[in-house]
Amino acid sequence: THIHTHTHTYTYTYTHIYIHTHTYTYTYTHIHIHIHTHIHTHTHTYTYTYTH
């Protein structure tokens, strides 16, 4: 009789902050500001039980 128990917990957190500033002058002035914020959180819990 063999009992095997495996528990796996996986937590993934991804944070991405993107700031783009562009100043362009060519007979005119253009200012572009782009702010992008992305937060992704993933939690995975895996439990495996094997009885042989």
PDB file of N, CA and C in Angstrom:
ATOM      1  N   THR A   1       0.860  -1.196   0.000  1.00  0.00           N
ATOM      2  CA  THR A   1       0.000   0.000   0.000  1.00  0.00           C
ATOM      3  C   THR A   1       0.887   1.234   0.000  1.00  0.00           C
ATOM      4  N   HIS A   2       0.660   2.018  -1.001  1.00  0.00           N
ATOM      5  CA  HIS A   2       1.460   3.231  -1.120  1.00  0.00           C
ATOM      6  C   HIS A   2       0.521   4.429  -1.256  1.00  0.00           C
ATOM      7  N   ILE A   3       0.739   5.423  -0.422  1.00  0.00           N
ATOM      8  CA  ILE A   3      -0.079   6.644  -0.462  1.00  0.00           C
ATOM      9  C   ILE A   3       0.839   7.827  -0.744  1.00  0.00           C
ATOM     10  N   HIS A   4       0.530   8.481  -1.808  1.00  0.00           N
ATOM     11  CA  HIS A   4       1.332   9.634  -2.205  1.00  0.00           C
ATOM     12  C   HIS A   4       0.425  10.864  -2.306  1.00  0.00           C
ATOM     13  N   THR A   5       0.808  11.912  -1.596  1.00  0.00           N
ATOM     14  CA  THR A   5       0.030  13.150  -1.640  1.00  0.00           C
ATOM     15  C   THR A   5       0.938  14.290  -2.062  1.00  0.00           C
ATOM     16  N   HIS A   6       0.503  14.967  -3.068  1.00  0.00           N
ATOM     17  CA  HIS A   6       1.288  16.077  -3.593  1.00  0.00           C
ATOM     18  C   HIS A   6       0.421  17.326  -3.619  1.00  0.00           C
ATOM     19  N   THR A   7       0.940  18.393  -3.011  1.00  0.00           N
ATOM     20  CA  THR A   7       0.218  19.664  -2.992  1.00  0.00           C
ATOM     21  C   THR A   7       1.104  20.733  -3.601  1.00  0.00           C
ATOM     22  N   HIS A   8       0.587  21.388  -4.572  1.00  0.00           N
ATOM     23  CA  HIS A   8       1.350  22.405  -5.260  1.00  0.00           C
ATOM     24  C   HIS A   8       0.555  23.703  -5.270  1.00  0.00           C
ATOM     25  N   THR A   9       1.204  24.769  -4.798  1.00  0.00           N
ATOM     26  CA  THR A   9       0.573  26.087  -4.801  1.00  0.00           C
ATOM     27  C   THR A   9       1.432  27.028  -5.636  1.00  0.00           C
ATOM     28  N   TYR A  10       0.823  27.611  -6.619  1.00  0.00           N
ATOM     29  CA  TYR A  10       1.544  28.480  -7.531  1.00  0.00           C
ATOM     30  C   TYR A  10       0.874  29.845  -7.547  1.00  0.00           C
ATOM     31  N   THR A  11       1.658  30.854  -7.253  1.00  0.00           N
ATOM     32  CA  THR A  11       1.139  32.222  -7.275  1.00  0.00           C
ATOM     33  C   THR A  11       1.978  33.042  -8.240  1.00  0.00           C
ATOM     34  N   TYR A  12       1.313  33.647  -9.183  1.00  0.00           N
ATOM     35  CA  TYR A  12       1.993  34.437 -10.194  1.00  0.00           C
ATOM     36  C   TYR A  12       1.441  35.852 -10.169  1.00  0.00           C
ATOM     37  N   THR A  13       2.330  36.807  -9.979  1.00  0.00           N
ATOM     38  CA  THR A  13       1.927  38.212  -9.964  1.00  0.00           C
ATOM     39  C   THR A  13       2.750  38.957 -11.002  1.00  0.00           C
ATOM     40  N   TYR A  14       2.063  39.604 -11.888  1.00  0.00           N
ATOM     41  CA  TYR A  14       2.726  40.328 -12.951  1.00  0.00           C
ATOM     42  C   TYR A  14       2.282  41.785 -12.909  1.00  0.00           C
ATOM     43  N   THR A  15       3.231  42.664 -12.787  1.00  0.00           N
ATOM     44  CA  THR A  15       2.930  44.098 -12.768  1.00  0.00           C
ATOM     45  C   THR A  15       3.738  44.780 -13.864  1.00  0.00           C
ATOM     46  N   HIS A  16       3.052  45.456 -14.720  1.00  0.00           N
ATOM     47  CA  HIS A  16       3.716  46.125 -15.820  1.00  0.00           C
ATOM     48  C   HIS A  16       3.283  47.592 -15.851  1.00  0.00           C
ATOM     49  N   ILE A  17       4.259  48.465 -15.760  1.00  0.00           N
ATOM     50  CA  ILE A  17       3.993  49.900 -15.834  1.00  0.00           C
ATOM     51  C   ILE A  17       4.786  50.469 -16.998  1.00  0.00           C
ATOM     52  N   TYR A  18       4.068  51.053 -17.904  1.00  0.00           N
ATOM     53  CA  TYR A  18       4.703  51.592 -19.090  1.00  0.00           C
ATOM     54  C   TYR A  18       4.404  53.087 -19.183  1.00  0.00           C
ATOM     55  N   ILE A  19       5.454  53.869 -19.203  1.00  0.00           N
ATOM     56  CA  ILE A  19       5.304  55.323 -19.331  1.00  0.00           C
ATOM     57  C   ILE A  19       6.108  55.771 -20.539  1.00  0.00           C
ATOM     58  N   HIS A  20       5.412  56.372 -21.445  1.00  0.00           N
ATOM     59  CA  HIS A  20       6.064  56.826 -22.665  1.00  0.00           C
ATOM     60  C   HIS A  20       5.811  58.318 -22.844  1.00  0.00           C
ATOM     61  N   THR A  21       6.890  59.061 -22.953  1.00  0.00           N
ATOM     62  CA  THR A  21       6.787  60.505 -23.169  1.00  0.00           C
ATOM     63  C   THR A  21       7.555  60.862 -24.426  1.00  0.00           C
ATOM     64  N   HIS A  22       6.875  61.492 -25.318  1.00  0.00           N
ATOM     65  CA  HIS A  22       7.499  61.837 -26.584  1.00  0.00           C
ATOM     66  C   HIS A  22       7.266  63.316 -26.880  1.00  0.00           C
ATOM     67  N   THR A  23       8.365  64.031 -27.134  1.00  0.00           N
ATOM     68  CA  THR A  23       8.284  65.450 -27.495  1.00  0.00           C
ATOM     69  C   THR A  23       8.928  65.631 -28.854  1.00  0.00           C
ATOM     70  N   TYR A  24       8.134  66.090 -29.771  1.00  0.00           N
ATOM     71  CA  TYR A  24       8.623  66.222 -31.134  1.00  0.00           C
ATOM     72  C   TYR A  24       8.333  67.639 -31.619  1.00  0.00           C
ATOM     73  N   THR A  25       9.384  68.296 -32.109  1.00  0.00           N
ATOM     74  CA  THR A  25       9.229  69.659 -32.590  1.00  0.00           C
ATOM     75  C   THR A  25       9.639  69.728 -34.054  1.00  0.00           C
ATOM     76  N   TYR A  26       8.692  70.060 -34.879  1.00  0.00           N
ATOM     77  CA  TYR A  26       8.968  70.214 -36.301  1.00  0.00           C
ATOM     78  C   TYR A  26       7.918  71.163 -36.862  1.00  0.00           C
ATOM     79  N   THR A  27       8.210  72.433 -36.770  1.00  0.00           N
ATOM     80  CA  THR A  27       7.305  73.527 -37.118  1.00  0.00           C
ATOM     81  C   THR A  27       6.014  73.436 -36.303  1.00  0.00           C
ATOM     82  N   TYR A  28       5.967  72.489 -35.399  1.00  0.00           N
ATOM     83  CA  TYR A  28       4.847  72.402 -34.452  1.00  0.00           C
ATOM     84  C   TYR A  28       5.334  71.595 -33.249  1.00  0.00           C
ATOM     85  N   THR A  29       4.561  71.602 -32.199  1.00  0.00           N
ATOM     86  CA  THR A  29       4.944  70.902 -30.980  1.00  0.00           C
ATOM     87  C   THR A  29       3.899  69.848 -30.665  1.00  0.00           C
ATOM     88  N   HIS A  30       4.398  68.640 -30.500  1.00  0.00           N
ATOM     89  CA  HIS A  30       3.519  67.529 -30.194  1.00  0.00           C
ATOM     90  C   HIS A  30       4.004  66.833 -28.932  1.00  0.00           C
ATOM     91  N   ILE A  31       3.114  66.734 -27.978  1.00  0.00           N
ATOM     92  CA  ILE A  31       3.460  66.061 -26.719  1.00  0.00           C
ATOM     93  C   ILE A  31       2.498  64.904 -26.516  1.00  0.00           C
ATOM     94  N   HIS A  32       3.084  63.735 -26.382  1.00  0.00           N
ATOM     95  CA  HIS A  32       2.282  62.540 -26.193  1.00  0.00           C
ATOM     96  C   HIS A  32       2.717  61.826 -24.923  1.00  0.00           C
ATOM     97  N   ILE A  33       1.764  61.621 -24.032  1.00  0.00           N
ATOM     98  CA  ILE A  33       2.061  60.920 -22.789  1.00  0.00           C
ATOM     99  C   ILE A  33       1.122  59.719 -22.688  1.00  0.00           C
ATOM    100  N   HIS A  34       1.733  58.570 -22.581  1.00  0.00           N
ATOM    101  CA  HIS A  34       0.960  57.347 -22.487  1.00  0.00           C
ATOM    102  C   HIS A  34       1.357  56.590 -21.231  1.00  0.00           C
ATOM    103  N   ILE A  35       0.372  56.327 -20.399  1.00  0.00           N
ATOM    104  CA  ILE A  35       0.628  55.572 -19.171  1.00  0.00           C
ATOM    105  C   ILE A  35      -0.241  54.319 -19.187  1.00  0.00           C
ATOM    106  N   HIS A  36       0.429  53.198 -19.110  1.00  0.00           N
ATOM    107  CA  HIS A  36      -0.279  51.930 -19.135  1.00  0.00           C
ATOM    108  C   HIS A  36       0.094  51.124 -17.898  1.00  0.00           C
ATOM    109  N   THR A  37      -0.911  50.721 -17.167  1.00  0.00           N
ATOM    110  CA  THR A  37      -0.660  49.916 -15.971  1.00  0.00           C
ATOM    111  C   THR A  37      -1.461  48.625 -16.071  1.00  0.00           C
ATOM    112  N   HIS A  38      -0.726  47.531 -15.949  1.00  0.00           N
ATOM    113  CA  HIS A  38      -1.371  46.230 -16.030  1.00  0.00           C
ATOM    114  C   HIS A  38      -0.955  45.386 -14.836  1.00  0.00           C
ATOM    115  N   ILE A  39      -1.938  44.934 -14.090  1.00  0.00           N
ATOM    116  CA  ILE A  39      -1.652  44.079 -12.936  1.00  0.00           C
ATOM    117  C   ILE A  39      -2.404  42.766 -13.114  1.00  0.00           C
ATOM    118  N   HIS A  40      -1.636  41.715 -13.119  1.00  0.00           N
ATOM    119  CA  HIS A  40      -2.229  40.393 -13.300  1.00  0.00           C
ATOM    120  C   HIS A  40      -1.808  39.493 -12.153  1.00  0.00           C
ATOM    121  N   THR A  41      -2.783  38.915 -11.497  1.00  0.00           N
ATOM    122  CA  THR A  41      -2.483  38.001 -10.398  1.00  0.00           C
ATOM    123  C   THR A  41      -3.159  36.664 -10.663  1.00  0.00           C
ATOM    124  N   HIS A  42      -2.356  35.639 -10.618  1.00  0.00           N
ATOM    125  CA  HIS A  42      -2.879  34.308 -10.864  1.00  0.00           C
ATOM    126  C   HIS A  42      -2.477  33.392  -9.709  1.00  0.00           C
ATOM    127  N   THR A  43      -3.456  32.743  -9.131  1.00  0.00           N
ATOM    128  CA  THR A  43      -3.179  31.802  -8.048  1.00  0.00           C
ATOM    129  C   THR A  43      -3.731  30.435  -8.428  1.00  0.00           C
ATOM    130  N   HIS A  44      -2.857  29.468  -8.376  1.00  0.00           N
ATOM    131  CA  HIS A  44      -3.251  28.120  -8.748  1.00  0.00           C
ATOM    132  C   HIS A  44      -2.891  27.165  -7.619  1.00  0.00           C
ATOM    133  N   THR A  45      -3.867  26.398  -7.197  1.00  0.00           N
ATOM    134  CA  THR A  45      -3.622  25.385  -6.168  1.00  0.00           C
ATOM    135  C   THR A  45      -3.967  24.014  -6.735  1.00  0.00           C
ATOM    136  N   TYR A  46      -2.997  23.151  -6.685  1.00  0.00           N
ATOM    137  CA  TYR A  46      -3.174  21.824  -7.247  1.00  0.00           C
ATOM    138  C   TYR A  46      -2.893  20.787  -6.170  1.00  0.00           C
ATOM    139  N   THR A  47      -3.831  19.899  -5.961  1.00  0.00           N
ATOM    140  CA  THR A  47      -3.649  18.817  -4.995  1.00  0.00           C
ATOM    141  C   THR A  47      -3.851  17.469  -5.695  1.00  0.00           C
ATOM    142  N   TYR A  48      -2.864  16.634  -5.583  1.00  0.00           N
ATOM    143  CA  TYR A  48      -2.924  15.335  -6.223  1.00  0.00           C
ATOM    144  C   TYR A  48      -2.741  14.249  -5.174  1.00  0.00           C
ATOM    145  N   THR A  49      -3.676  13.351  -5.117  1.00  0.00           N
ATOM    146  CA  THR A  49      -3.578  12.233  -4.176  1.00  0.00           C
ATOM    147  C   THR A  49      -3.647  10.920  -4.946  1.00  0.00           C
ATOM    148  N   TYR A  50      -2.638  10.111  -4.718  1.00  0.00           N
ATOM    149  CA  TYR A  50      -2.565   8.837  -5.421  1.00  0.00           C
ATOM    150  C   TYR A  50      -2.447   7.712  -4.400  1.00  0.00           C
ATOM    151  N   THR A  51      -3.325   6.771  -4.495  1.00  0.00           N
ATOM    152  CA  THR A  51      -3.283   5.615  -3.595  1.00  0.00           C
ATOM    153  C   THR A  51      -3.113   4.351  -4.422  1.00  0.00           C
ATOM    154  N   HIS A  52      -2.042   3.666  -4.115  1.00  0.00           N
ATOM    155  CA  HIS A  52      -1.769   2.443  -4.871  1.00  0.00           C
ATOM    156  C   HIS A  52      -1.508   1.290  -3.912  1.00  0.00           C
TER     157      HIS A  52
END
